[in-house]
Amino acid sequence: MHKLDISGRVSTGDPNLACALLTNGLPLDESNPCHKVKSDSGDYLRFNFLPHTINGKQAAGELIAAWEAGQRHIDRFPDDGMAYCMAYSMNRKNLLDFIKQEVPQVLVRRGGQIALISENAGPRLESEILGRLK
């Protein structure tokens, strides 16, 4: 979640959004760049940004709106810097979700040989594979 104050400064606890804002030239507020918050549900950080990019061409609110639009922004403005950041973030999440679903393989070394055996391999397949190692 993020907040936009009356001055146009933005504060967010989303590290992906914070990185996207930095990448697109929105500077941290030098006088108050970050808060480390301790709560009963865990510690987290809130990053505080100035209202405009370094070059003055984009406002924090515009960048936040692009982030919130997600895939719609990527589809409409595929060459926009924020679109690249969002695509990276979405692809990273999808890749990590994919990895969590994969069945691990067990690496077995014998002599100079290596075998990878699925953690779900039955005893017969496991014996056959291990039997081929010298």
C-alpha atoms as a PDB file:
ATOM      1  CA  MET A   1       0.000   0.000   0.000  1.00  0.00           C
ATOM      2  CA  HIS A   2       1.179   3.508  -0.714  1.00  0.00           C
ATOM      3  CA  LYS A   3       0.216   6.991   0.331  1.00  0.00           C
ATOM      4  CA  LEU A   4       0.387  10.244  -1.610  1.00  0.00           C
ATOM      5  CA  ASP A   5       0.451  13.324   0.615  1.00  0.00           C
ATOM      6  CA  ILE A   6      -0.678  16.851  -0.241  1.00  0.00           C
ATOM      7  CA  SER A   7       2.846  17.832  -1.359  1.00  0.00           C
ATOM      8  CA  GLY A   8       2.895  14.993  -3.891  1.00  0.00           C
ATOM      9  CA  ARG A   9       5.394  12.960  -1.907  1.00  0.00           C
ATOM     10  CA  VAL A  10       4.708   9.260  -1.946  1.00  0.00           C
ATOM     11  CA  SER A  11       5.322   6.627   0.699  1.00  0.00           C
ATOM     12  CA  THR A  12       5.197   2.894   0.050  1.00  0.00           C
ATOM     13  CA  GLY A  13       5.976  -0.329   1.855  1.00  0.00           C
ATOM     14  CA  ASP A  14       6.057  -2.313  -1.411  1.00  0.00           C
ATOM     15  CA  PRO A  15       9.731  -2.992  -2.228  1.00  0.00           C
ATOM     16  CA  ASN A  16       8.881  -3.802  -5.867  1.00  0.00           C
ATOM     17  CA  LEU A  17       7.147  -0.457  -6.315  1.00  0.00           C
ATOM     18  CA  ALA A  18       9.976   1.333  -4.490  1.00  0.00           C
ATOM     19  CA  CYS A  19      12.544  -0.188  -6.879  1.00  0.00           C
ATOM     20  CA  ALA A  20      10.383   0.710  -9.903  1.00  0.00           C
ATOM     21  CA  LEU A  21      10.073   4.307  -8.702  1.00  0.00           C
ATOM     22  CA  LEU A  22      13.844   4.567  -8.180  1.00  0.00           C
ATOM     23  CA  THR A  23      14.507   3.021 -11.588  1.00  0.00           C
ATOM     24  CA  ASN A  24      12.211   5.580 -13.222  1.00  0.00           C
ATOM     25  CA  GLY A  25      14.072   8.474 -11.612  1.00  0.00           C
ATOM     26  CA  LEU A  26      11.888   9.269  -8.601  1.00  0.00           C
ATOM     27  CA  PRO A  27      14.331  10.124  -5.811  1.00  0.00           C
ATOM     28  CA  LEU A  28      14.008   9.184  -2.176  1.00  0.00           C
ATOM     29  CA  ASP A  29      13.254  12.079   0.158  1.00  0.00           C
ATOM     30  CA  GLU A  30      16.772  12.793   1.452  1.00  0.00           C
ATOM     31  CA  SER A  31      15.455  14.254   4.707  1.00  0.00           C
ATOM     32  CA  ASN A  32      13.352  11.148   5.430  1.00  0.00           C
ATOM     33  CA  PRO A  33      14.149   8.314   3.006  1.00  0.00           C
ATOM     34  CA  CYS A  34      12.798   5.379   4.977  1.00  0.00           C
ATOM     35  CA  HIS A  35      10.978   4.276   8.112  1.00  0.00           C
ATOM     36  CA  LYS A  36      11.639   0.906   9.681  1.00  0.00           C
ATOM     37  CA  VAL A  37       8.354  -0.103  11.298  1.00  0.00           C
ATOM     38  CA  LYS A  38       8.036  -2.787  13.965  1.00  0.00           C
ATOM     39  CA  SER A  39       4.593  -4.263  14.448  1.00  0.00           C
ATOM     40  CA  ASP A  40       2.971  -7.338  15.943  1.00  0.00           C
ATOM     41  CA  SER A  41       2.575  -8.742  12.408  1.00  0.00           C
ATOM     42  CA  GLY A  42       6.265  -8.297  11.589  1.00  0.00           C
ATOM     43  CA  ASP A  43       8.787  -5.617  10.681  1.00  0.00           C
ATOM     44  CA  TYR A  44       8.608  -3.735   7.413  1.00  0.00           C
ATOM     45  CA  LEU A  45      10.017  -0.678   5.667  1.00  0.00           C
ATOM     46  CA  ARG A  46       8.232   2.380   4.266  1.00  0.00           C
ATOM     47  CA  PHE A  47      10.127   4.271   1.583  1.00  0.00           C
ATOM     48  CA  ASN A  48       9.477   7.995   1.136  1.00  0.00           C
ATOM     49  CA  PHE A  49       9.887   9.630  -2.275  1.00  0.00           C
ATOM     50  CA  LEU A  50       9.894  13.192  -3.566  1.00  0.00           C
ATOM     51  CA  PRO A  51       6.974  14.344  -5.741  1.00  0.00           C
ATOM     52  CA  HIS A  52       8.773  14.481  -9.131  1.00  0.00           C
ATOM     53  CA  THR A  53      11.425  12.573 -11.046  1.00  0.00           C
ATOM     54  CA  ILE A  54      14.954  13.957 -11.131  1.00  0.00           C
ATOM     55  CA  ASN A  55      14.389  15.391 -14.614  1.00  0.00           C
ATOM     56  CA  GLY A  56      11.049  16.893 -13.539  1.00  0.00           C
ATOM     57  CA  LYS A  57       9.146  15.167 -16.363  1.00  0.00           C
ATOM     58  CA  GLN A  58       6.976  12.825 -14.280  1.00  0.00           C
ATOM     59  CA  ALA A  59       5.059  13.166 -11.036  1.00  0.00           C
ATOM     60  CA  ALA A  60       4.988  10.482  -8.372  1.00  0.00           C
ATOM     61  CA  GLY A  61       1.222  10.179  -8.857  1.00  0.00           C
ATOM     62  CA  GLU A  62       1.643   9.384 -12.569  1.00  0.00           C
ATOM     63  CA  LEU A  63       4.139   6.625 -11.819  1.00  0.00           C
ATOM     64  CA  ILE A  64       1.905   5.181  -9.102  1.00  0.00           C
ATOM     65  CA  ALA A  65      -1.090   5.237 -11.467  1.00  0.00           C
ATOM     66  CA  ALA A  66       0.949   3.336 -14.060  1.00  0.00           C
ATOM     67  CA  TRP A  67       1.940   0.747 -11.437  1.00  0.00           C
ATOM     68  CA  GLU A  68      -1.656   0.318 -10.318  1.00  0.00           C
ATOM     69  CA  ALA A  69      -2.840  -0.101 -13.926  1.00  0.00           C
ATOM     70  CA  GLY A  70      -0.527  -3.125 -14.181  1.00  0.00           C
ATOM     71  CA  GLN A  71      -0.976  -5.149 -17.357  1.00  0.00           C
ATOM     72  CA  ARG A  72      -3.182  -2.447 -18.924  1.00  0.00           C
ATOM     73  CA  HIS A  73      -0.271   0.016 -18.701  1.00  0.00           C
ATOM     74  CA  ILE A  74       2.156  -2.531 -20.150  1.00  0.00           C
ATOM     75  CA  ASP A  75      -0.205  -3.192 -23.065  1.00  0.00           C
ATOM     76  CA  ARG A  76      -0.760   0.518 -23.792  1.00  0.00           C
ATOM     77  CA  PHE A  77       2.821   1.710 -23.255  1.00  0.00           C
ATOM     78  CA  PRO A  78       5.128  -1.281 -23.832  1.00  0.00           C
ATOM     79  CA  ASP A  79       8.278   0.864 -24.137  1.00  0.00           C
ATOM     80  CA  ASP A  80       7.651   2.904 -20.987  1.00  0.00           C
ATOM     81  CA  GLY A  81      10.165   2.474 -18.168  1.00  0.00           C
ATOM     82  CA  MET A  82       7.446   1.660 -15.666  1.00  0.00           C
ATOM     83  CA  ALA A  83       6.100  -1.023 -18.026  1.00  0.00           C
ATOM     84  CA  TYR A  84       9.511  -2.721 -18.041  1.00  0.00           C
ATOM     85  CA  CYS A  85       9.686  -2.573 -14.232  1.00  0.00           C
ATOM     86  CA  MET A  86       6.187  -4.003 -13.863  1.00  0.00           C
ATOM     87  CA  ALA A  87       6.876  -6.750 -16.394  1.00  0.00           C
ATOM     88  CA  TYR A  88      10.033  -7.666 -14.465  1.00  0.00           C
ATOM     89  CA  SER A  89       8.131  -7.761 -11.174  1.00  0.00           C
ATOM     90  CA  MET A  90       5.269  -9.840 -12.595  1.00  0.00           C
ATOM     91  CA  ASN A  91       7.652 -12.249 -14.333  1.00  0.00           C
ATOM     92  CA  ARG A  92       9.689 -12.654 -11.148  1.00  0.00           C
ATOM     93  CA  LYS A  93       6.550 -13.500  -9.150  1.00  0.00           C
ATOM     94  CA  ASN A  94       5.365 -15.977 -11.807  1.00  0.00           C
ATOM     95  CA  LEU A  95       8.792 -17.602 -11.993  1.00  0.00           C
ATOM     96  CA  LEU A  96       8.994 -18.005  -8.204  1.00  0.00           C
ATOM     97  CA  ASP A  97       5.463 -19.448  -8.148  1.00  0.00           C
ATOM     98  CA  PHE A  98       6.479 -21.881 -10.909  1.00  0.00           C
ATOM     99  CA  ILE A  99       9.608 -22.945  -9.012  1.00  0.00           C
ATOM    100  CA  LYS A 100       7.547 -23.688  -5.884  1.00  0.00           C
ATOM    101  CA  GLN A 101       5.445 -26.163  -7.901  1.00  0.00           C
ATOM    102  CA  GLU A 102       8.410 -28.045  -9.330  1.00  0.00           C
ATOM    103  CA  VAL A 103       9.325 -31.427  -7.847  1.00  0.00           C
ATOM    104  CA  PRO A 104      12.867 -31.282  -6.441  1.00  0.00           C
ATOM    105  CA  GLN A 105      15.569 -33.572  -7.753  1.00  0.00           C
ATOM    106  CA  VAL A 106      18.117 -35.245  -5.536  1.00  0.00           C
ATOM    107  CA  LEU A 107      21.729 -35.048  -6.686  1.00  0.00           C
ATOM    108  CA  VAL A 108      23.691 -38.245  -6.063  1.00  0.00           C
ATOM    109  CA  ARG A 109      27.460 -38.497  -6.658  1.00  0.00           C
ATOM    110  CA  ARG A 110      29.329 -41.761  -6.960  1.00  0.00           C
ATOM    111  CA  GLY A 111      32.875 -41.857  -8.143  1.00  0.00           C
ATOM    112  CA  GLY A 112      33.078 -39.294 -10.921  1.00  0.00           C
ATOM    113  CA  GLN A 113      29.446 -39.657 -11.919  1.00  0.00           C
ATOM    114  CA  ILE A 114      26.392 -37.628 -11.006  1.00  0.00           C
ATOM    115  CA  ALA A 115      22.731 -38.605 -11.153  1.00  0.00           C
ATOM    116  CA  LEU A 116      19.652 -36.468 -10.651  1.00  0.00           C
ATOM    117  CA  ILE A 117      16.691 -38.420  -9.327  1.00  0.00           C
ATOM    118  CA  SER A 118      13.229 -36.960  -8.897  1.00  0.00           C
ATOM    119  CA  GLU A 119      12.178 -36.767  -5.276  1.00  0.00           C
ATOM    120  CA  ASN A 120       8.993 -38.552  -6.407  1.00  0.00           C
ATOM    121  CA  ALA A 121      10.844 -41.394  -8.138  1.00  0.00           C
ATOM    122  CA  GLY A 122       9.677 -44.792  -7.059  1.00  0.00           C
ATOM    123  CA  PRO A 123      12.098 -47.286  -5.506  1.00  0.00           C
ATOM    124  CA  ARG A 124      12.396 -49.275  -8.750  1.00  0.00           C
ATOM    125  CA  LEU A 125      13.392 -46.254 -10.851  1.00  0.00           C
ATOM    126  CA  GLU A 126      15.722 -45.027  -8.127  1.00  0.00           C
ATOM    127  CA  SER A 127      17.460 -48.453  -7.971  1.00  0.00           C
ATOM    128  CA  GLU A 128      17.774 -48.561 -11.744  1.00  0.00           C
ATOM    129  CA  ILE A 129      19.374 -45.127 -11.906  1.00  0.00           C
ATOM    130  CA  LEU A 130      21.700 -45.721  -8.955  1.00  0.00           C
ATOM    131  CA  GLY A 131      22.615 -49.126 -10.381  1.00  0.00           C
ATOM    132  CA  ARG A 132      24.054 -47.438 -13.456  1.00  0.00           C
ATOM    133  CA  LEU A 133      26.496 -45.379 -11.411  1.00  0.00           C
ATOM    134  CA  LYS A 134      29.915 -46.895 -10.969  1.00  0.00           C
END
